[in-house]
Full PDB file with SEQRES, HELIX, SHEET, SSBOND, CRYST1, ORIGX, SCALE, CONECT and MASTER records, all heavy atoms in Angstrom:
SEQRES   1 A   35  LEU GLY ARG GLY VAL VAL THR ALA LEU LYS ALA ALA PRO          
SEQRES   2 A   35  ASP MET GLU PRO THR PHE ILE PHE THR ARG ARG ASP PRO          
SEQRES   3 A   35  ALA SER ILE GLU ALA ASP VAL PRO VAL                          
HELIX    1 AA1 GLY A    2  ALA A   11  1                                  10    
HELIX    2 AA2 PRO A   26  SER A   28  5                                   3    
CRYST1    1.000    1.000    1.000  90.00  90.00  90.00 P 1           1          
ORIGX1      1.000000  0.000000  0.000000        0.00000                         
ORIGX2      0.000000  1.000000  0.000000        0.00000                         
ORIGX3      0.000000  0.000000  1.000000        0.00000                         
SCALE1      1.000000  0.000000  0.000000        0.00000                         
SCALE2      0.000000  1.000000  0.000000        0.00000                         
SCALE3      0.000000  0.000000  1.000000        0.00000                         
ATOM      1  N   LEU A   1      -2.781  -9.636  -3.457  1.00  0.00           N  
ATOM      2  CA  LEU A   1      -3.297  -8.654  -4.409  1.00  0.00           C  
ATOM      3  C   LEU A   1      -3.032  -7.228  -3.942  1.00  0.00           C  
ATOM      4  O   LEU A   1      -2.615  -6.371  -4.733  1.00  0.00           O  
ATOM      5  CB  LEU A   1      -4.786  -8.876  -4.647  1.00  0.00           C  
ATOM      6  CG  LEU A   1      -5.450  -7.960  -5.678  1.00  0.00           C  
ATOM      7  CD1 LEU A   1      -4.762  -8.097  -7.042  1.00  0.00           C  
ATOM      8  CD2 LEU A   1      -6.943  -8.277  -5.795  1.00  0.00           C  
ATOM      9  N   GLY A   2      -3.265  -6.952  -2.688  1.00  0.00           N  
ATOM     10  CA  GLY A   2      -3.013  -5.617  -2.145  1.00  0.00           C  
ATOM     11  C   GLY A   2      -1.582  -5.187  -2.282  1.00  0.00           C  
ATOM     12  O   GLY A   2      -1.280  -4.026  -2.674  1.00  0.00           O  
ATOM     13  N   ARG A   3      -0.648  -6.097  -2.024  1.00  0.00           N  
ATOM     14  CA  ARG A   3       0.769  -5.764  -2.195  1.00  0.00           C  
ATOM     15  C   ARG A   3       1.078  -5.485  -3.674  1.00  0.00           C  
ATOM     16  O   ARG A   3       1.849  -4.573  -3.999  1.00  0.00           O  
ATOM     17  CB  ARG A   3       1.626  -6.906  -1.673  1.00  0.00           C  
ATOM     18  CG  ARG A   3       1.641  -7.006  -0.136  1.00  0.00           C  
ATOM     19  CD  ARG A   3       2.685  -7.973   0.353  1.00  0.00           C  
ATOM     20  NE  ARG A   3       2.325  -9.358   0.033  1.00  0.00           N  
ATOM     21  CZ  ARG A   3       1.592 -10.146   0.817  1.00  0.00           C  
ATOM     22  NH1 ARG A   3       1.115  -9.678   1.966  1.00  0.00           N  
ATOM     23  NH2 ARG A   3       1.326 -11.394   0.462  1.00  0.00           N  
ATOM     24  N   GLY A   4       0.466  -6.279  -4.556  1.00  0.00           N  
ATOM     25  CA  GLY A   4       0.649  -6.028  -5.974  1.00  0.00           C  
ATOM     26  C   GLY A   4       0.114  -4.697  -6.425  1.00  0.00           C  
ATOM     27  O   GLY A   4       0.718  -3.996  -7.238  1.00  0.00           O  
ATOM     28  N   VAL A   5      -1.042  -4.279  -5.861  1.00  0.00           N  
ATOM     29  CA  VAL A   5      -1.623  -2.977  -6.206  1.00  0.00           C  
ATOM     30  C   VAL A   5      -0.711  -1.835  -5.768  1.00  0.00           C  
ATOM     31  O   VAL A   5      -0.494  -0.876  -6.544  1.00  0.00           O  
ATOM     32  CB  VAL A   5      -3.035  -2.840  -5.586  1.00  0.00           C  
ATOM     33  CG1 VAL A   5      -3.512  -1.388  -5.640  1.00  0.00           C  
ATOM     34  CG2 VAL A   5      -4.019  -3.752  -6.292  1.00  0.00           C  
ATOM     35  N   VAL A   6      -0.155  -1.916  -4.575  1.00  0.00           N  
ATOM     36  CA  VAL A   6       0.754  -0.867  -4.108  1.00  0.00           C  
ATOM     37  C   VAL A   6       1.939  -0.762  -5.060  1.00  0.00           C  
ATOM     38  O   VAL A   6       2.333   0.356  -5.459  1.00  0.00           O  
ATOM     39  CB  VAL A   6       1.214  -1.148  -2.676  1.00  0.00           C  
ATOM     40  CG1 VAL A   6       2.356  -0.208  -2.286  1.00  0.00           C  
ATOM     41  CG2 VAL A   6       0.048  -0.975  -1.698  1.00  0.00           C  
ATOM     42  N   THR A   7       2.502  -1.880  -5.456  1.00  0.00           N  
ATOM     43  CA  THR A   7       3.642  -1.870  -6.384  1.00  0.00           C  
ATOM     44  C   THR A   7       3.250  -1.274  -7.731  1.00  0.00           C  
ATOM     45  O   THR A   7       3.983  -0.460  -8.326  1.00  0.00           O  
ATOM     46  CB  THR A   7       4.180  -3.294  -6.585  1.00  0.00           C  
ATOM     47  OG1 THR A   7       4.614  -3.804  -5.313  1.00  0.00           O  
ATOM     48  CG2 THR A   7       5.365  -3.303  -7.541  1.00  0.00           C  
ATOM     49  N   ALA A   8       2.078  -1.664  -8.258  1.00  0.00           N  
ATOM     50  CA  ALA A   8       1.618  -1.151  -9.554  1.00  0.00           C  
ATOM     51  C   ALA A   8       1.343   0.367  -9.490  1.00  0.00           C  
ATOM     52  O   ALA A   8       1.625   1.090 -10.455  1.00  0.00           O  
ATOM     53  CB  ALA A   8       0.375  -1.890  -9.995  1.00  0.00           C  
ATOM     54  N   LEU A   9       0.812   0.827  -8.376  1.00  0.00           N  
ATOM     55  CA  LEU A   9       0.564   2.255  -8.225  1.00  0.00           C  
ATOM     56  C   LEU A   9       1.857   3.045  -8.228  1.00  0.00           C  
ATOM     57  O   LEU A   9       1.939   4.152  -8.794  1.00  0.00           O  
ATOM     58  CB  LEU A   9      -0.216   2.521  -6.933  1.00  0.00           C  
ATOM     59  CG  LEU A   9      -1.681   2.126  -6.919  1.00  0.00           C  
ATOM     60  CD1 LEU A   9      -2.251   2.164  -5.514  1.00  0.00           C  
ATOM     61  CD2 LEU A   9      -2.496   3.040  -7.833  1.00  0.00           C  
ATOM     62  N   LYS A  10       2.898   2.492  -7.621  1.00  0.00           N  
ATOM     63  CA  LYS A  10       4.181   3.177  -7.581  1.00  0.00           C  
ATOM     64  C   LYS A  10       4.785   3.293  -8.985  1.00  0.00           C  
ATOM     65  O   LYS A  10       5.567   4.229  -9.263  1.00  0.00           O  
ATOM     66  CB  LYS A  10       5.142   2.448  -6.649  1.00  0.00           C  
ATOM     67  CG  LYS A  10       4.765   2.562  -5.168  1.00  0.00           C  
ATOM     68  CD  LYS A  10       5.738   1.742  -4.303  1.00  0.00           C  
ATOM     69  CE  LYS A  10       5.399   1.880  -2.824  1.00  0.00           C  
ATOM     70  NZ  LYS A  10       6.303   1.079  -1.974  1.00  0.00           N  
ATOM     71  N   ALA A  11       4.444   2.346  -9.851  1.00  0.00           N  
ATOM     72  CA  ALA A  11       4.967   2.377 -11.221  1.00  0.00           C  
ATOM     73  C   ALA A  11       4.187   3.317 -12.130  1.00  0.00           C  
ATOM     74  O   ALA A  11       4.669   3.668 -13.212  1.00  0.00           O  
ATOM     75  CB  ALA A  11       4.933   0.965 -11.813  1.00  0.00           C  
ATOM     76  N   ALA A  12       3.001   3.728 -11.719  1.00  0.00           N  
ATOM     77  CA  ALA A  12       2.150   4.593 -12.547  1.00  0.00           C  
ATOM     78  C   ALA A  12       2.658   6.044 -12.465  1.00  0.00           C  
ATOM     79  O   ALA A  12       2.949   6.538 -11.358  1.00  0.00           O  
ATOM     80  CB  ALA A  12       0.702   4.502 -12.086  1.00  0.00           C  
ATOM     81  N   PRO A  13       2.725   6.737 -13.582  1.00  0.00           N  
ATOM     82  CA  PRO A  13       3.259   8.118 -13.556  1.00  0.00           C  
ATOM     83  C   PRO A  13       2.283   9.116 -12.956  1.00  0.00           C  
ATOM     84  O   PRO A  13       2.699  10.234 -12.610  1.00  0.00           O  
ATOM     85  CB  PRO A  13       3.514   8.409 -15.023  1.00  0.00           C  
ATOM     86  CG  PRO A  13       2.529   7.552 -15.754  1.00  0.00           C  
ATOM     87  CD  PRO A  13       2.420   6.287 -14.953  1.00  0.00           C  
ATOM     88  N   ASP A  14       0.988   8.755 -12.843  1.00  0.00           N  
ATOM     89  CA  ASP A  14      -0.008   9.700 -12.426  1.00  0.00           C  
ATOM     90  C   ASP A  14      -0.794   9.251 -11.194  1.00  0.00           C  
ATOM     91  O   ASP A  14      -1.846   9.824 -10.878  1.00  0.00           O  
ATOM     92  CB  ASP A  14      -0.990   9.981 -13.567  1.00  0.00           C  
ATOM     93  CG  ASP A  14      -1.623   8.710 -14.106  1.00  0.00           C  
ATOM     94  OD1 ASP A  14      -1.158   7.613 -13.751  1.00  0.00           O  
ATOM     95  OD2 ASP A  14      -2.623   8.807 -14.862  1.00  0.00           O  
ATOM     96  N   MET A  15      -0.309   8.214 -10.487  1.00  0.00           N  
ATOM     97  CA  MET A  15      -1.060   7.672  -9.350  1.00  0.00           C  
ATOM     98  C   MET A  15      -0.086   7.364  -8.225  1.00  0.00           C  
ATOM     99  O   MET A  15       1.093   7.072  -8.478  1.00  0.00           O  
ATOM    100  CB  MET A  15      -1.813   6.406  -9.760  1.00  0.00           C  
ATOM    101  CG  MET A  15      -2.628   6.556 -11.032  1.00  0.00           C  
ATOM    102  SD  MET A  15      -3.427   5.041 -11.555  1.00  0.00           S  
ATOM    103  CE  MET A  15      -4.882   5.085 -10.524  1.00  0.00           C  
ATOM    104  N   GLU A  16      -0.600   7.381  -6.999  1.00  0.00           N  
ATOM    105  CA  GLU A  16       0.251   7.043  -5.860  1.00  0.00           C  
ATOM    106  C   GLU A  16      -0.570   6.350  -4.784  1.00  0.00           C  
ATOM    107  O   GLU A  16      -1.716   6.703  -4.541  1.00  0.00           O  
ATOM    108  CB  GLU A  16       0.909   8.288  -5.289  1.00  0.00           C  
ATOM    109  CG  GLU A  16      -0.033   9.368  -4.809  1.00  0.00           C  
ATOM    110  CD  GLU A  16       0.678  10.615  -4.316  1.00  0.00           C  
ATOM    111  OE1 GLU A  16       1.941  10.600  -4.327  1.00  0.00           O  
ATOM    112  OE2 GLU A  16       0.020  11.571  -3.913  1.00  0.00           O  
ATOM    113  N   PRO A  17       0.017   5.315  -4.154  1.00  0.00           N  
ATOM    114  CA  PRO A  17      -0.678   4.687  -3.023  1.00  0.00           C  
ATOM    115  C   PRO A  17      -0.578   5.619  -1.812  1.00  0.00           C  
ATOM    116  O   PRO A  17       0.519   5.982  -1.388  1.00  0.00           O  
ATOM    117  CB  PRO A  17       0.120   3.403  -2.803  1.00  0.00           C  
ATOM    118  CG  PRO A  17       1.501   3.715  -3.314  1.00  0.00           C  
ATOM    119  CD  PRO A  17       1.323   4.691  -4.427  1.00  0.00           C  
ATOM    120  N   THR A  18      -1.744   6.009  -1.297  1.00  0.00           N  
ATOM    121  CA  THR A  18      -1.747   7.016  -0.238  1.00  0.00           C  
ATOM    122  C   THR A  18      -1.989   6.420   1.119  1.00  0.00           C  
ATOM    123  O   THR A  18      -1.374   6.806   2.120  1.00  0.00           O  
ATOM    124  CB  THR A  18      -2.822   8.067  -0.533  1.00  0.00           C  
ATOM    125  OG1 THR A  18      -2.632   8.568  -1.873  1.00  0.00           O  
ATOM    126  CG2 THR A  18      -2.742   9.219   0.445  1.00  0.00           C  
ATOM    127  N   PHE A  19      -2.882   5.436   1.194  1.00  0.00           N  
ATOM    128  CA  PHE A  19      -3.191   4.751   2.447  1.00  0.00           C  
ATOM    129  C   PHE A  19      -3.450   3.273   2.181  1.00  0.00           C  
ATOM    130  O   PHE A  19      -3.951   2.897   1.120  1.00  0.00           O  
ATOM    131  CB  PHE A  19      -4.433   5.344   3.127  1.00  0.00           C  
ATOM    132  CG  PHE A  19      -4.360   6.817   3.413  1.00  0.00           C  
ATOM    133  CD1 PHE A  19      -5.053   7.730   2.641  1.00  0.00           C  
ATOM    134  CD2 PHE A  19      -3.553   7.297   4.441  1.00  0.00           C  
ATOM    135  CE1 PHE A  19      -4.991   9.073   2.874  1.00  0.00           C  
ATOM    136  CE2 PHE A  19      -3.468   8.661   4.704  1.00  0.00           C  
ATOM    137  CZ  PHE A  19      -4.191   9.563   3.927  1.00  0.00           C  
ATOM    138  N   ILE A  20      -3.099   2.445   3.153  1.00  0.00           N  
ATOM    139  CA  ILE A  20      -3.451   1.013   3.158  1.00  0.00           C  
ATOM    140  C   ILE A  20      -4.401   0.791   4.324  1.00  0.00           C  
ATOM    141  O   ILE A  20      -4.172   1.295   5.429  1.00  0.00           O  
ATOM    142  CB  ILE A  20      -2.198   0.136   3.307  1.00  0.00           C  
ATOM    143  CG1 ILE A  20      -1.282   0.277   2.102  1.00  0.00           C  
ATOM    144  CG2 ILE A  20      -2.598  -1.336   3.518  1.00  0.00           C  
ATOM    145  CD1 ILE A  20       0.093  -0.343   2.313  1.00  0.00           C  
ATOM    146  N   PHE A  21      -5.465   0.016   4.067  1.00  0.00           N  
ATOM    147  CA  PHE A  21      -6.427  -0.307   5.124  1.00  0.00           C  
ATOM    148  C   PHE A  21      -6.449  -1.837   5.292  1.00  0.00           C  
ATOM    149  O   PHE A  21      -6.582  -2.570   4.319  1.00  0.00           O  
ATOM    150  CB  PHE A  21      -7.813   0.205   4.769  1.00  0.00           C  
ATOM    151  CG  PHE A  21      -7.851   1.699   4.555  1.00  0.00           C  
ATOM    152  CD1 PHE A  21      -7.726   2.237   3.285  1.00  0.00           C  
ATOM    153  CD2 PHE A  21      -7.947   2.559   5.649  1.00  0.00           C  
ATOM    154  CE1 PHE A  21      -7.728   3.620   3.083  1.00  0.00           C  
ATOM    155  CE2 PHE A  21      -7.929   3.939   5.464  1.00  0.00           C  
ATOM    156  CZ  PHE A  21      -7.823   4.472   4.178  1.00  0.00           C  
ATOM    157  N   THR A  22      -6.327  -2.307   6.521  1.00  0.00           N  
ATOM    158  CA  THR A  22      -6.223  -3.742   6.754  1.00  0.00           C  
ATOM    159  C   THR A  22      -7.021  -4.156   7.981  1.00  0.00           C  
ATOM    160  O   THR A  22      -7.210  -3.368   8.925  1.00  0.00           O  
ATOM    161  CB  THR A  22      -4.739  -4.135   6.951  1.00  0.00           C  
ATOM    162  OG1 THR A  22      -4.652  -5.537   7.230  1.00  0.00           O  
ATOM    163  CG2 THR A  22      -4.118  -3.362   8.113  1.00  0.00           C  
ATOM    164  N   ARG A  23      -7.494  -5.420   7.977  1.00  0.00           N  
ATOM    165  CA  ARG A  23      -8.168  -5.986   9.133  1.00  0.00           C  
ATOM    166  C   ARG A  23      -7.151  -6.544  10.138  1.00  0.00           C  
ATOM    167  O   ARG A  23      -7.515  -6.857  11.259  1.00  0.00           O  
ATOM    168  CB  ARG A  23      -9.158  -7.066   8.709  1.00  0.00           C  
ATOM    169  CG  ARG A  23     -10.353  -6.522   7.973  1.00  0.00           C  
ATOM    170  CD  ARG A  23     -11.285  -7.610   7.489  1.00  0.00           C  
ATOM    171  NE  ARG A  23     -10.689  -8.463   6.474  1.00  0.00           N  
ATOM    172  CZ  ARG A  23     -11.377  -9.268   5.674  1.00  0.00           C  
ATOM    173  NH1 ARG A  23     -12.704  -9.328   5.776  1.00  0.00           N  
ATOM    174  NH2 ARG A  23     -10.770 -10.005   4.751  1.00  0.00           N  
ATOM    175  N   ARG A  24      -5.922  -6.640   9.714  1.00  0.00           N  
ATOM    176  CA  ARG A  24      -4.845  -7.073  10.621  1.00  0.00           C  
ATOM    177  C   ARG A  24      -4.376  -5.926  11.482  1.00  0.00           C  
ATOM    178  O   ARG A  24      -4.758  -4.756  11.251  1.00  0.00           O  
ATOM    179  CB  ARG A  24      -3.689  -7.665   9.830  1.00  0.00           C  
ATOM    180  CG  ARG A  24      -4.002  -9.023   9.201  1.00  0.00           C  
ATOM    181  CD  ARG A  24      -2.798  -9.526   8.412  1.00  0.00           C  
ATOM    182  NE  ARG A  24      -2.735  -8.922   7.083  1.00  0.00           N  
ATOM    183  CZ  ARG A  24      -1.707  -9.028   6.276  1.00  0.00           C  
ATOM    184  NH1 ARG A  24      -0.629  -9.703   6.641  1.00  0.00           N  
ATOM    185  NH2 ARG A  24      -1.733  -8.467   5.077  1.00  0.00           N  
ATOM    186  N   ASP A  25      -3.497  -6.194  12.423  1.00  0.00           N  
ATOM    187  CA  ASP A  25      -2.901  -5.149  13.227  1.00  0.00           C  
ATOM    188  C   ASP A  25      -2.005  -4.314  12.309  1.00  0.00           C  
ATOM    189  O   ASP A  25      -1.067  -4.834  11.721  1.00  0.00           O  
ATOM    190  CB  ASP A  25      -2.082  -5.772  14.348  1.00  0.00           C  
ATOM    191  CG  ASP A  25      -1.370  -4.753  15.200  1.00  0.00           C  
ATOM    192  OD1 ASP A  25      -1.565  -3.517  14.983  1.00  0.00           O  
ATOM    193  OD2 ASP A  25      -0.592  -5.150  16.089  1.00  0.00           O  
ATOM    194  N   PRO A  26      -2.285  -3.017  12.149  1.00  0.00           N  
ATOM    195  CA  PRO A  26      -1.469  -2.197  11.253  1.00  0.00           C  
ATOM    196  C   PRO A  26       0.017  -2.247  11.589  1.00  0.00           C  
ATOM    197  O   PRO A  26       0.849  -2.136  10.693  1.00  0.00           O  
ATOM    198  CB  PRO A  26      -2.044  -0.791  11.439  1.00  0.00           C  
ATOM    199  CG  PRO A  26      -3.472  -1.010  11.794  1.00  0.00           C  
ATOM    200  CD  PRO A  26      -3.452  -2.255  12.680  1.00  0.00           C  
ATOM    201  N   ALA A  27       0.328  -2.445  12.862  1.00  0.00           N  
ATOM    202  CA  ALA A  27       1.737  -2.491  13.272  1.00  0.00           C  
ATOM    203  C   ALA A  27       2.441  -3.705  12.711  1.00  0.00           C  
ATOM    204  O   ALA A  27       3.688  -3.742  12.649  1.00  0.00           O  
ATOM    205  CB  ALA A  27       1.841  -2.470  14.791  1.00  0.00           C  
ATOM    206  N   SER A  28       1.675  -4.726  12.302  1.00  0.00           N  
ATOM    207  CA  SER A  28       2.285  -5.942  11.758  1.00  0.00           C  
ATOM    208  C   SER A  28       2.595  -5.849  10.268  1.00  0.00           C  
ATOM    209  O   SER A  28       3.197  -6.751   9.709  1.00  0.00           O  
ATOM    210  CB  SER A  28       1.344  -7.133  12.002  1.00  0.00           C  
ATOM    211  OG  SER A  28       0.186  -7.037  11.193  1.00  0.00           O  
ATOM    212  N   ILE A  29       2.174  -4.737   9.647  1.00  0.00           N  
ATOM    213  CA  ILE A  29       2.342  -4.557   8.196  1.00  0.00           C  
ATOM    214  C   ILE A  29       3.625  -3.770   7.925  1.00  0.00           C  
ATOM    215  O   ILE A  29       3.794  -2.664   8.420  1.00  0.00           O  
ATOM    216  CB  ILE A  29       1.140  -3.820   7.559  1.00  0.00           C  
ATOM    217  CG1 ILE A  29      -0.159  -4.566   7.875  1.00  0.00           C  
ATOM    218  CG2 ILE A  29       1.343  -3.636   6.079  1.00  0.00           C  
ATOM    219  CD1 ILE A  29      -0.270  -5.903   7.240  1.00  0.00           C  
ATOM    220  N   GLU A  30       4.507  -4.360   7.132  1.00  0.00           N  
ATOM    221  CA  GLU A  30       5.703  -3.675   6.694  1.00  0.00           C  
ATOM    222  C   GLU A  30       5.446  -3.025   5.346  1.00  0.00           C  
ATOM    223  O   GLU A  30       5.327  -3.697   4.339  1.00  0.00           O  
ATOM    224  CB  GLU A  30       6.887  -4.637   6.604  1.00  0.00           C  
ATOM    225  CG  GLU A  30       7.334  -5.198   7.947  1.00  0.00           C  
ATOM    226  CD  GLU A  30       8.587  -6.055   7.829  1.00  0.00           C  
ATOM    227  OE1 GLU A  30       9.196  -6.037   6.735  1.00  0.00           O  
ATOM    228  OE2 GLU A  30       8.939  -6.725   8.800  1.00  0.00           O  
ATOM    229  N   ALA A  31       5.331  -1.712   5.344  1.00  0.00           N  
ATOM    230  CA  ALA A  31       5.046  -0.974   4.115  1.00  0.00           C  
ATOM    231  C   ALA A  31       5.518   0.452   4.266  1.00  0.00           C  
ATOM    232  O   ALA A  31       5.585   0.978   5.394  1.00  0.00           O  
ATOM    233  CB  ALA A  31       3.543  -0.999   3.810  1.00  0.00           C  
ATOM    234  N   ASP A  32       5.870   1.076   3.143  1.00  0.00           N  
ATOM    235  CA  ASP A  32       6.296   2.467   3.184  1.00  0.00           C  
ATOM    236  C   ASP A  32       5.152   3.422   2.855  1.00  0.00           C  
ATOM    237  O   ASP A  32       5.337   4.558   2.422  1.00  0.00           O  
ATOM    238  CB  ASP A  32       7.487   2.714   2.246  1.00  0.00           C  
ATOM    239  CG  ASP A  32       7.194   2.284   0.801  1.00  0.00           C  
ATOM    240  OD1 ASP A  32       6.068   1.842   0.533  1.00  0.00           O  
ATOM    241  OD2 ASP A  32       8.104   2.408  -0.024  1.00  0.00           O  
ATOM    242  N   VAL A  33       3.924   2.907   3.036  1.00  0.00           N  
ATOM    243  CA  VAL A  33       2.686   3.688   2.868  1.00  0.00           C  
ATOM    244  C   VAL A  33       1.962   3.632   4.206  1.00  0.00           C  
ATOM    245  O   VAL A  33       1.937   2.585   4.857  1.00  0.00           O  
ATOM    246  CB  VAL A  33       1.827   3.083   1.751  1.00  0.00           C  
ATOM    247  CG1 VAL A  33       0.497   3.816   1.613  1.00  0.00           C  
ATOM    248  CG2 VAL A  33       2.567   3.079   0.426  1.00  0.00           C  
ATOM    249  N   PRO A  34       1.349   4.750   4.677  1.00  0.00           N  
ATOM    250  CA  PRO A  34       0.620   4.713   5.950  1.00  0.00           C  
ATOM    251  C   PRO A  34      -0.432   3.607   5.985  1.00  0.00           C  
ATOM    252  O   PRO A  34      -1.196   3.454   5.025  1.00  0.00           O  
ATOM    253  CB  PRO A  34       0.007   6.086   6.025  1.00  0.00           C  
ATOM    254  CG  PRO A  34       0.895   6.955   5.208  1.00  0.00           C  
ATOM    255  CD  PRO A  34       1.377   6.092   4.087  1.00  0.00           C  
ATOM    256  N   VAL A  35      -0.482   2.870   7.101  1.00  0.00           N  
ATOM    257  CA  VAL A  35      -1.418   1.751   7.245  1.00  0.00           C  
ATOM    258  C   VAL A  35      -2.394   2.069   8.382  1.00  0.00           C  
ATOM    259  O   VAL A  35      -1.976   2.490   9.463  1.00  0.00           O  
ATOM    260  CB  VAL A  35      -0.668   0.441   7.566  1.00  0.00           C  
ATOM    261  CG1 VAL A  35      -1.635  -0.734   7.654  1.00  0.00           C  
ATOM    262  CG2 VAL A  35       0.416   0.176   6.506  1.00  0.00           C  
TER     263      VAL A  35                                                      
MASTER        0    0    0    2    0    0    0    6  262    1    0    3          
END                                                                             
């Protein structure tokens, strides 16, 4: 769901994914948004 939300935010003309928060090791997350 979180990955889907980031994708949907990128498609929105007035919204942007700014930060991702995770219980996993942030270094293990491949994303072009700060984790």
